[in-house]
N, C-alpha and C. Protein backbone atom coordinates (compact mmCIF):
# COMPACT_ATOMS: atom_id res chain seq x y z
N MET A 1 -8.35 14.60 -6.34
CA MET A 1 -9.09 13.86 -6.47
C MET A 1 -8.95 13.75 -8.05
N THR A 2 -8.79 11.75 -8.21
CA THR A 2 -8.64 11.40 -9.16
C THR A 2 -9.56 10.15 -9.41
N LYS A 3 -10.16 10.19 -10.76
CA LYS A 3 -11.19 9.09 -11.14
C LYS A 3 -9.92 7.68 -11.26
N VAL A 4 -10.59 6.52 -10.35
CA VAL A 4 -9.68 5.46 -10.72
C VAL A 4 -10.36 4.40 -11.03
N THR A 5 -10.25 3.76 -12.53
CA THR A 5 -11.42 2.97 -12.85
C THR A 5 -10.49 1.33 -12.76
N MET A 6 -11.14 0.40 -12.29
CA MET A 6 -10.07 -1.01 -12.67
C MET A 6 -11.75 -2.21 -12.63
N THR A 7 -11.06 -2.99 -12.80
CA THR A 7 -12.06 -4.45 -12.88
C THR A 7 -11.89 -4.95 -11.67
N VAL A 8 -13.19 -5.14 -10.83
CA VAL A 8 -13.49 -5.42 -9.31
C VAL A 8 -14.50 -6.77 -9.62
N ASN A 9 -14.00 -7.99 -8.97
CA ASN A 9 -14.60 -9.22 -9.36
C ASN A 9 -15.88 -9.04 -10.66
N GLY A 10 -14.72 -8.95 -11.95
CA GLY A 10 -15.35 -8.78 -13.14
C GLY A 10 -16.39 -8.05 -13.55
N LYS A 11 -16.40 -6.86 -12.92
CA LYS A 11 -17.01 -5.71 -13.20
C LYS A 11 -16.11 -4.45 -13.47
N SER A 12 -16.30 -3.54 -14.52
CA SER A 12 -15.80 -2.37 -14.54
C SER A 12 -16.43 -1.67 -13.24
N VAL A 13 -15.00 -0.83 -12.52
CA VAL A 13 -15.90 0.03 -11.53
C VAL A 13 -15.32 1.47 -11.51
N SER A 14 -15.79 2.29 -10.95
CA SER A 14 -14.71 3.74 -10.82
C SER A 14 -15.16 4.30 -9.64
N ALA A 15 -14.42 5.20 -8.79
CA ALA A 15 -14.52 6.15 -8.05
C ALA A 15 -13.48 6.85 -7.79
N GLU A 16 -13.79 8.08 -7.20
CA GLU A 16 -12.96 9.05 -6.81
C GLU A 16 -12.10 8.80 -5.65
N ALA A 17 -10.71 8.81 -5.86
CA ALA A 17 -9.66 8.48 -4.93
C ALA A 17 -8.34 9.74 -4.95
N GLU A 18 -8.12 10.10 -3.63
CA GLU A 18 -6.51 11.11 -3.75
C GLU A 18 -5.61 9.76 -4.22
N GLY A 19 -4.59 10.44 -4.66
CA GLY A 19 -3.71 9.46 -5.02
C GLY A 19 -2.40 8.79 -3.57
N ARG A 20 -3.19 9.14 -2.43
CA ARG A 20 -2.80 8.27 -1.03
C ARG A 20 -3.58 7.35 -0.30
N THR A 21 -4.78 7.39 -1.18
CA THR A 21 -5.83 6.49 -1.04
C THR A 21 -5.50 4.55 -1.36
N LEU A 22 -5.34 4.05 -0.20
CA LEU A 22 -4.70 2.61 -0.07
C LEU A 22 -5.81 2.01 -0.94
N LEU A 23 -5.29 0.74 -1.63
CA LEU A 23 -6.66 -0.36 -1.90
C LEU A 23 -7.60 -0.48 -1.20
N VAL A 24 -7.25 -0.93 0.10
CA VAL A 24 -8.23 -1.57 1.33
C VAL A 24 -9.13 -0.22 1.19
N ASN A 25 -9.28 0.80 1.68
CA ASN A 25 -9.63 1.98 1.50
C ASN A 25 -10.40 1.93 -0.22
N TYR A 26 -10.19 2.05 -0.29
CA TYR A 26 -11.18 2.23 -2.13
C TYR A 26 -11.58 1.32 -2.22
N LEU A 27 -11.64 0.07 -2.01
CA LEU A 27 -12.54 -1.01 -1.78
C LEU A 27 -13.25 -0.58 -0.66
N ARG A 28 -13.38 -0.80 0.18
CA ARG A 28 -14.03 -0.35 1.01
C ARG A 28 -14.78 0.80 1.22
N GLU A 29 -14.56 1.82 1.32
CA GLU A 29 -15.19 3.38 1.06
C GLU A 29 -15.62 3.64 -0.28
N GLY A 30 -14.80 3.40 -0.90
CA GLY A 30 -15.21 3.99 -2.18
C GLY A 30 -16.29 2.84 -3.36
N LEU A 31 -16.09 1.45 -2.54
CA LEU A 31 -16.94 0.65 -3.46
C LEU A 31 -17.82 0.15 -2.78
N GLY A 32 -17.78 0.23 -1.50
CA GLY A 32 -18.67 -0.47 -0.79
C GLY A 32 -18.21 -2.22 -0.38
N LEU A 33 -17.37 -2.36 -0.26
CA LEU A 33 -17.20 -3.98 -0.58
C LEU A 33 -16.12 -4.20 0.56
N THR A 34 -16.48 -4.26 1.91
CA THR A 34 -16.82 -4.34 3.22
C THR A 34 -15.98 -5.35 3.42
N GLY A 35 -15.86 -6.47 2.36
CA GLY A 35 -15.39 -8.07 2.83
C GLY A 35 -13.90 -8.00 3.17
N THR A 36 -12.82 -7.08 2.63
CA THR A 36 -11.54 -7.20 2.55
C THR A 36 -11.28 -6.36 3.80
N HIS A 37 -10.56 -6.45 4.83
CA HIS A 37 -10.76 -6.11 6.15
C HIS A 37 -9.36 -5.37 6.43
N VAL A 38 -9.52 -4.40 7.50
CA VAL A 38 -8.62 -3.51 7.69
C VAL A 38 -7.70 -3.74 9.06
N GLY A 39 -6.67 -4.67 9.58
CA GLY A 39 -6.54 -5.23 10.35
C GLY A 39 -5.35 -4.49 11.19
N CYS A 40 -4.40 -3.93 10.66
CA CYS A 40 -3.17 -4.03 11.43
C CYS A 40 -2.69 -2.02 10.70
N ASP A 41 -2.71 -2.36 9.61
CA ASP A 41 -2.47 -0.72 8.53
C ASP A 41 -0.69 -0.87 8.71
N THR A 42 -0.27 -2.40 8.22
CA THR A 42 0.99 -2.38 8.59
C THR A 42 1.30 -3.50 7.43
N SER A 43 0.63 -4.10 6.98
CA SER A 43 0.92 -5.35 6.30
C SER A 43 1.26 -6.61 6.70
N GLN A 44 0.95 -6.57 7.93
CA GLN A 44 1.76 -7.71 9.41
C GLN A 44 0.46 -9.39 9.29
N CYS A 45 -0.50 -8.65 9.21
CA CYS A 45 -1.85 -9.27 9.64
C CYS A 45 -2.49 -10.24 8.48
N GLY A 46 -2.56 -9.92 7.43
CA GLY A 46 -3.13 -10.54 5.88
C GLY A 46 -4.45 -10.45 5.70
N ALA A 47 -5.24 -9.74 6.58
CA ALA A 47 -6.47 -9.32 6.58
C ALA A 47 -7.23 -8.70 5.36
N CYS A 48 -6.37 -8.21 4.41
CA CYS A 48 -6.78 -7.17 3.91
C CYS A 48 -6.27 -7.71 2.45
N VAL A 49 -5.84 -9.08 2.19
CA VAL A 49 -5.74 -9.90 1.10
C VAL A 49 -6.68 -9.91 0.06
N VAL A 50 -6.36 -9.50 -1.06
CA VAL A 50 -6.95 -9.78 -1.88
C VAL A 50 -5.96 -9.63 -3.68
N HIS A 51 -6.32 -9.94 -4.92
CA HIS A 51 -6.03 -10.67 -6.25
C HIS A 51 -5.90 -9.39 -7.13
N VAL A 52 -4.38 -9.20 -7.45
CA VAL A 52 -4.44 -8.12 -8.58
C VAL A 52 -3.73 -8.59 -9.35
N ASP A 53 -4.76 -8.84 -11.14
CA ASP A 53 -3.94 -9.36 -12.11
C ASP A 53 -3.41 -10.65 -11.24
N GLY A 54 -4.23 -11.39 -10.16
CA GLY A 54 -4.23 -12.84 -10.50
C GLY A 54 -3.07 -13.09 -9.23
N LYS A 55 -2.72 -11.89 -8.85
CA LYS A 55 -1.71 -12.50 -7.56
C LYS A 55 -2.16 -12.10 -6.37
N ALA A 56 -2.14 -12.74 -5.54
CA ALA A 56 -2.22 -11.94 -3.56
C ALA A 56 -1.20 -10.84 -3.60
N VAL A 57 -2.14 -10.21 -2.52
CA VAL A 57 -1.55 -8.85 -2.84
C VAL A 57 -2.39 -8.18 -1.15
N LYS A 58 -1.55 -7.68 -0.36
CA LYS A 58 -2.12 -7.07 0.25
C LYS A 58 -2.31 -5.69 0.24
N SER A 59 -3.83 -5.56 0.18
CA SER A 59 -4.13 -4.05 -0.24
C SER A 59 -3.73 -2.77 0.56
N CYS A 60 -3.22 -3.47 1.82
CA CYS A 60 -3.15 -2.00 2.69
C CYS A 60 -1.89 -1.59 2.55
N THR A 61 -1.25 -2.04 1.64
CA THR A 61 0.07 -1.82 0.59
C THR A 61 0.32 -1.38 -0.30
N VAL A 62 -1.07 -0.73 -1.09
CA VAL A 62 -1.19 -0.59 -2.59
C VAL A 62 -1.82 0.95 -2.19
N PHE A 63 -1.56 1.43 -3.50
CA PHE A 63 -1.95 2.90 -3.86
C PHE A 63 -3.20 2.35 -4.68
N ALA A 64 -4.21 3.10 -4.21
CA ALA A 64 -5.51 2.80 -5.51
C ALA A 64 -5.05 3.02 -7.01
N VAL A 65 -4.30 4.29 -6.97
CA VAL A 65 -4.40 4.48 -8.42
C VAL A 65 -3.11 3.96 -8.74
N ASP A 66 -2.23 3.33 -8.37
CA ASP A 66 -1.32 2.15 -8.82
C ASP A 66 -1.96 1.14 -9.31
N VAL A 67 -3.10 0.34 -8.76
CA VAL A 67 -3.70 -0.69 -9.66
C VAL A 67 -4.94 -0.52 -10.58
N ALA A 68 -5.37 0.86 -10.98
CA ALA A 68 -6.03 1.63 -11.98
C ALA A 68 -5.80 0.59 -13.44
N GLY A 69 -6.83 0.19 -13.71
CA GLY A 69 -6.65 -0.40 -14.65
C GLY A 69 -6.56 -2.28 -14.63
N SER A 70 -6.34 -2.49 -13.47
CA SER A 70 -5.93 -3.99 -13.01
C SER A 70 -7.41 -4.72 -12.72
N ASP A 71 -6.93 -6.17 -12.94
CA ASP A 71 -8.43 -7.03 -12.39
C ASP A 71 -8.31 -7.44 -11.09
N VAL A 72 -8.90 -7.02 -10.32
CA VAL A 72 -9.31 -6.93 -8.79
C VAL A 72 -10.23 -8.30 -8.45
N ARG A 73 -9.67 -9.23 -7.74
CA ARG A 73 -10.62 -10.13 -6.96
C ARG A 73 -10.71 -9.79 -5.89
N THR A 74 -11.59 -9.43 -4.76
CA THR A 74 -12.19 -9.42 -3.51
C THR A 74 -12.51 -10.56 -3.33
N ILE A 75 -13.24 -11.08 -1.40
CA ILE A 75 -13.52 -11.84 -1.30
C ILE A 75 -15.08 -11.96 -1.82
N GLU A 76 -15.90 -11.01 -1.92
CA GLU A 76 -16.73 -11.07 -2.31
C GLU A 76 -17.15 -11.51 -3.62
N GLY A 77 -16.03 -11.85 -4.42
CA GLY A 77 -15.75 -12.29 -6.07
C GLY A 77 -15.74 -13.79 -5.62
N MET A 78 -15.18 -14.26 -4.76
CA MET A 78 -15.00 -15.88 -4.43
C MET A 78 -16.42 -16.76 -4.63
N ALA A 79 -17.41 -16.11 -4.44
CA ALA A 79 -18.10 -17.17 -4.86
C ALA A 79 -18.79 -18.28 -5.62
N ASN A 80 -19.16 -18.93 -6.22
CA ASN A 80 -20.15 -19.52 -7.82
C ASN A 80 -20.55 -18.50 -7.67
N ALA A 81 -20.83 -18.85 -9.66
CA ALA A 81 -21.76 -18.04 -10.21
C ALA A 81 -23.25 -17.88 -9.47
N ASP A 82 -23.68 -19.18 -8.87
CA ASP A 82 -25.18 -19.16 -8.73
C ASP A 82 -24.71 -18.36 -7.26
N GLY A 83 -24.54 -18.16 -6.63
CA GLY A 83 -23.85 -17.54 -5.07
C GLY A 83 -23.76 -18.03 -4.04
N SER A 84 -23.69 -19.53 -4.07
CA SER A 84 -23.19 -20.56 -3.60
C SER A 84 -21.42 -20.62 -3.18
N LEU A 85 -20.99 -20.76 -2.03
CA LEU A 85 -19.83 -20.51 -1.93
C LEU A 85 -18.85 -21.40 -3.06
N GLY A 86 -17.75 -20.70 -2.79
CA GLY A 86 -16.65 -21.08 -3.86
C GLY A 86 -15.80 -22.53 -2.97
N VAL A 87 -15.12 -23.21 -3.58
CA VAL A 87 -14.10 -24.76 -3.37
C VAL A 87 -13.84 -23.72 -2.07
N VAL A 88 -12.62 -23.15 -1.72
CA VAL A 88 -12.41 -22.26 -0.89
C VAL A 88 -12.89 -22.44 0.53
N GLN A 89 -13.75 -21.45 0.24
CA GLN A 89 -15.39 -21.51 0.94
C GLN A 89 -15.79 -22.21 1.57
N GLN A 90 -15.89 -22.96 0.98
CA GLN A 90 -16.96 -24.25 1.46
C GLN A 90 -16.06 -25.38 2.50
N ALA A 91 -14.84 -25.22 1.96
CA ALA A 91 -13.34 -26.12 2.87
C ALA A 91 -13.61 -25.21 4.01
N PHE A 92 -13.43 -24.24 3.86
CA PHE A 92 -13.44 -23.33 5.52
C PHE A 92 -14.57 -23.64 6.36
N GLN A 93 -15.67 -23.45 5.81
CA GLN A 93 -17.02 -24.10 6.20
C GLN A 93 -16.69 -25.34 6.80
N ASP A 94 -16.98 -26.09 5.94
CA ASP A 94 -16.61 -27.84 6.48
C ASP A 94 -16.02 -28.14 7.37
N HIS A 95 -14.68 -27.79 7.20
CA HIS A 95 -13.20 -27.36 8.46
C HIS A 95 -13.20 -26.78 9.39
N HIS A 96 -14.47 -25.77 9.57
CA HIS A 96 -14.18 -25.19 10.26
C HIS A 96 -12.83 -24.45 10.98
N GLY A 97 -12.75 -24.02 9.83
CA GLY A 97 -11.44 -23.04 9.28
C GLY A 97 -11.41 -21.39 9.89
N LEU A 98 -12.50 -21.19 10.56
CA LEU A 98 -12.89 -19.59 11.13
C LEU A 98 -13.29 -20.12 12.17
N GLN A 99 -13.38 -19.13 13.23
CA GLN A 99 -13.88 -18.78 14.34
C GLN A 99 -14.43 -17.17 14.29
N CYS A 100 -13.73 -16.33 14.71
CA CYS A 100 -14.51 -15.40 14.81
C CYS A 100 -14.77 -14.12 13.52
N GLY A 101 -13.75 -15.14 12.45
CA GLY A 101 -14.15 -14.58 11.23
C GLY A 101 -13.30 -13.25 10.37
N PHE A 102 -12.99 -12.52 11.61
CA PHE A 102 -11.72 -11.64 11.20
C PHE A 102 -10.69 -11.58 10.07
N CYS A 103 -9.80 -13.07 10.18
CA CYS A 103 -9.42 -13.04 8.97
C CYS A 103 -9.38 -13.90 8.33
N THR A 104 -10.90 -14.21 8.19
CA THR A 104 -11.19 -15.50 6.70
C THR A 104 -11.01 -14.89 5.75
N PRO A 105 -11.60 -13.32 5.63
CA PRO A 105 -11.72 -12.78 3.91
C PRO A 105 -10.05 -13.06 3.39
N GLY A 106 -8.93 -12.85 4.25
CA GLY A 106 -7.11 -12.62 3.89
C GLY A 106 -7.15 -14.09 3.64
N MET A 107 -7.29 -15.06 4.57
CA MET A 107 -7.37 -16.42 4.65
C MET A 107 -7.59 -17.11 3.17
N VAL A 108 -8.94 -16.87 3.04
CA VAL A 108 -9.21 -17.30 2.19
C VAL A 108 -8.57 -17.03 0.70
N MET A 109 -8.15 -15.59 0.50
CA MET A 109 -7.97 -15.03 -0.57
C MET A 109 -6.59 -15.46 -0.26
N SER A 110 -5.41 -15.76 -0.06
CA SER A 110 -4.39 -16.07 0.42
C SER A 110 -4.22 -17.83 -0.04
N SER A 111 -4.79 -18.49 1.02
CA SER A 111 -5.30 -20.16 0.49
C SER A 111 -5.62 -20.27 -1.35
N ALA A 112 -6.16 -18.94 -1.92
CA ALA A 112 -6.79 -19.35 -3.04
C ALA A 112 -5.62 -19.16 -4.04
N ALA A 113 -5.02 -18.32 -3.53
CA ALA A 113 -3.85 -17.84 -4.36
C ALA A 113 -2.78 -18.88 -4.24
N LEU A 114 -2.31 -19.81 -3.32
CA LEU A 114 -1.50 -20.53 -2.92
C LEU A 114 -2.09 -21.76 -3.92
N LEU A 115 -3.14 -22.56 -4.11
CA LEU A 115 -3.89 -23.29 -4.94
C LEU A 115 -3.73 -22.94 -6.61
N ALA A 116 -3.51 -21.94 -6.38
CA ALA A 116 -3.29 -21.53 -8.09
C ALA A 116 -2.24 -21.36 -8.43
N GLU A 117 -1.13 -21.50 -7.47
CA GLU A 117 0.27 -21.66 -7.99
C GLU A 117 0.71 -23.10 -7.91
N ASN A 118 -0.37 -23.49 -6.48
CA ASN A 118 0.52 -25.08 -6.30
C ASN A 118 -0.82 -25.80 -5.83
N PRO A 119 -1.53 -26.86 -7.12
CA PRO A 119 -2.91 -27.20 -6.59
C PRO A 119 -2.53 -28.03 -5.56
N ARG A 120 -1.63 -28.81 -5.19
CA ARG A 120 -1.40 -29.97 -4.27
C ARG A 120 -0.56 -29.40 -3.22
N PRO A 121 -0.56 -28.86 -2.70
CA PRO A 121 0.63 -28.66 -1.42
C PRO A 121 0.45 -29.29 -0.12
N THR A 122 1.72 -29.03 0.04
CA THR A 122 1.65 -30.21 1.07
C THR A 122 1.40 -29.51 2.65
N GLU A 123 1.04 -30.05 3.48
CA GLU A 123 1.24 -29.49 5.26
C GLU A 123 2.11 -28.06 5.41
N ALA A 124 3.36 -28.56 5.41
CA ALA A 124 4.27 -27.87 5.59
C ALA A 124 4.04 -26.33 4.28
N GLU A 125 4.17 -26.50 3.26
CA GLU A 125 3.90 -25.88 2.27
C GLU A 125 2.83 -24.96 2.33
N ILE A 126 1.49 -25.40 2.95
CA ILE A 126 0.55 -24.43 3.26
C ILE A 126 0.76 -23.74 4.57
N ARG A 127 1.05 -24.07 5.58
CA ARG A 127 1.81 -23.08 6.79
C ARG A 127 3.20 -22.22 6.20
N HIS A 128 3.40 -22.85 5.34
CA HIS A 128 4.74 -21.52 5.00
C HIS A 128 3.95 -20.61 4.26
N TYR A 129 2.87 -20.64 3.16
CA TYR A 129 2.57 -19.78 2.29
C TYR A 129 1.45 -18.62 3.42
N LEU A 130 1.15 -19.30 4.10
CA LEU A 130 0.37 -18.69 5.43
C LEU A 130 0.70 -17.63 6.55
N GLU A 131 2.04 -18.06 6.01
CA GLU A 131 2.74 -16.75 7.39
C GLU A 131 2.41 -15.65 7.58
N GLY A 132 1.84 -15.24 6.19
CA GLY A 132 1.46 -13.60 6.47
C GLY A 132 0.44 -13.32 7.01
N ASN A 133 -0.29 -14.52 7.04
CA ASN A 133 -1.99 -13.81 7.49
C ASN A 133 -1.63 -14.57 9.42
N ILE A 134 -2.54 -13.70 9.99
CA ILE A 134 -2.38 -13.67 11.25
C ILE A 134 -3.97 -14.21 12.09
N CYS A 135 -3.96 -15.28 12.25
CA CYS A 135 -5.31 -15.96 13.20
C CYS A 135 -4.83 -15.81 14.49
N ARG A 136 -6.16 -15.28 15.50
CA ARG A 136 -5.63 -15.23 16.93
C ARG A 136 -6.56 -16.30 17.80
N CYS A 137 -7.29 -17.26 16.34
CA CYS A 137 -8.27 -17.91 17.33
C CYS A 137 -7.97 -19.29 16.64
N THR A 138 -8.17 -19.68 15.75
CA THR A 138 -8.27 -21.18 15.41
C THR A 138 -6.68 -21.75 15.66
N GLY A 139 -5.40 -21.19 15.79
CA GLY A 139 -4.16 -22.19 15.76
C GLY A 139 -4.03 -22.68 14.32
N TYR A 140 -4.40 -22.40 13.74
CA TYR A 140 -4.20 -22.68 12.29
C TYR A 140 -4.45 -24.39 12.11
N HIS A 141 -4.75 -24.91 12.62
CA HIS A 141 -4.95 -26.35 12.35
C HIS A 141 -5.95 -26.76 11.30
N ASN A 142 -7.13 -26.40 11.74
CA ASN A 142 -8.13 -25.86 11.22
C ASN A 142 -8.38 -25.39 9.66
N ILE A 143 -7.42 -24.76 9.51
CA ILE A 143 -7.12 -23.94 8.58
C ILE A 143 -6.70 -24.69 7.13
N VAL A 144 -5.59 -25.54 7.96
CA VAL A 144 -4.52 -26.17 6.92
C VAL A 144 -5.67 -26.94 6.29
N LYS A 145 -6.01 -27.76 7.32
CA LYS A 145 -7.58 -28.98 7.02
C LYS A 145 -8.16 -28.20 5.83
N ALA A 146 -8.78 -27.43 5.75
CA ALA A 146 -9.75 -26.81 4.56
C ALA A 146 -8.88 -26.03 3.40
N VAL A 147 -7.53 -25.89 3.61
CA VAL A 147 -6.55 -25.87 2.45
C VAL A 147 -6.48 -27.19 1.61
N LEU A 148 -6.32 -28.02 2.53
CA LEU A 148 -5.82 -29.70 1.94
C LEU A 148 -7.56 -29.89 1.41
N ALA A 149 -8.48 -29.58 1.98
CA ALA A 149 -9.67 -30.68 1.24
C ALA A 149 -9.79 -29.23 0.45
N ALA A 150 -10.18 -28.20 0.23
CA ALA A 150 -10.02 -27.19 -1.19
C ALA A 150 -8.97 -28.02 -2.20
N SER A 151 -7.98 -28.69 -2.06
CA SER A 151 -6.59 -28.91 -2.95
C SER A 151 -7.43 -30.22 -3.57
N GLY A 152 -8.33 -30.94 -3.24
CA GLY A 152 -8.74 -32.80 -3.42
C GLY A 152 -7.94 -33.44 -2.65
N GLN A 153 -7.32 -33.27 -1.44
CA GLN A 153 -6.72 -33.94 -0.55
C GLN A 153 -6.95 -34.40 0.42
N ASP A 154 -7.02 -35.43 1.23
CA ASP A 154 -7.49 -35.88 2.50
C ASP A 154 -6.93 -35.54 3.78
N ALA A 155 -7.81 -34.40 4.23
CA ALA A 155 -7.66 -33.68 5.56
C ALA A 155 -7.54 -34.22 6.69
N GLY A 156 -8.60 -35.27 6.46
CA GLY A 156 -8.61 -36.06 7.81
C GLY A 156 -6.85 -36.54 8.08
N ALA A 157 -6.29 -36.94 7.09
CA ALA A 157 -5.15 -38.05 7.39
C ALA A 157 -3.63 -36.87 8.05
N MET A 158 -4.14 -35.70 8.08
CA MET A 158 -3.14 -34.42 8.51
C MET A 158 -3.14 -34.79 10.14
N ALA A 159 -1.59 -34.43 10.66
CA ALA A 159 -1.40 -34.74 11.65
C ALA A 159 -1.78 -33.97 12.80
N ALA A 160 -2.26 -34.63 13.69
CA ALA A 160 -2.63 -33.84 14.82
C ALA A 160 -1.78 -32.67 15.86
N GLU A 161 -2.13 -31.73 16.39
CA GLU A 161 -1.39 -30.63 16.74
C GLU A 161 -1.38 -30.67 18.10
């Protein structure tokens, strides 16, 4: 076991981990941050997306020891300082971008990463960026509307599916 230290959601944290411990397990089991979900264990579904040093990463594909010293942001760190929902989270709620909620943490994290890279994406760019995230409930239409709204664009102008 190795002591792994990193900054998670703005706080320095440490926990013991084996060299083979995946970041998703370190976050969930070592730190108790269970908002990051384990969906497929094969990097196909995107439920485990977190930000590592500002980049969206599927945490089921990264060893915790490999991101020691990094700045990690999870879904728990997406809220505003006063505890209210962040912009992307609020847009998902307002535009019904979730149903069962299992994919939501990964969708929110990926959407936030997209908006950091491209503050005003088109519908096509949103759909392309989210190809690595699977939702079995929504059909993606309302997720795309939520991302458009989070970017300050008119989600109502989106073409109906």
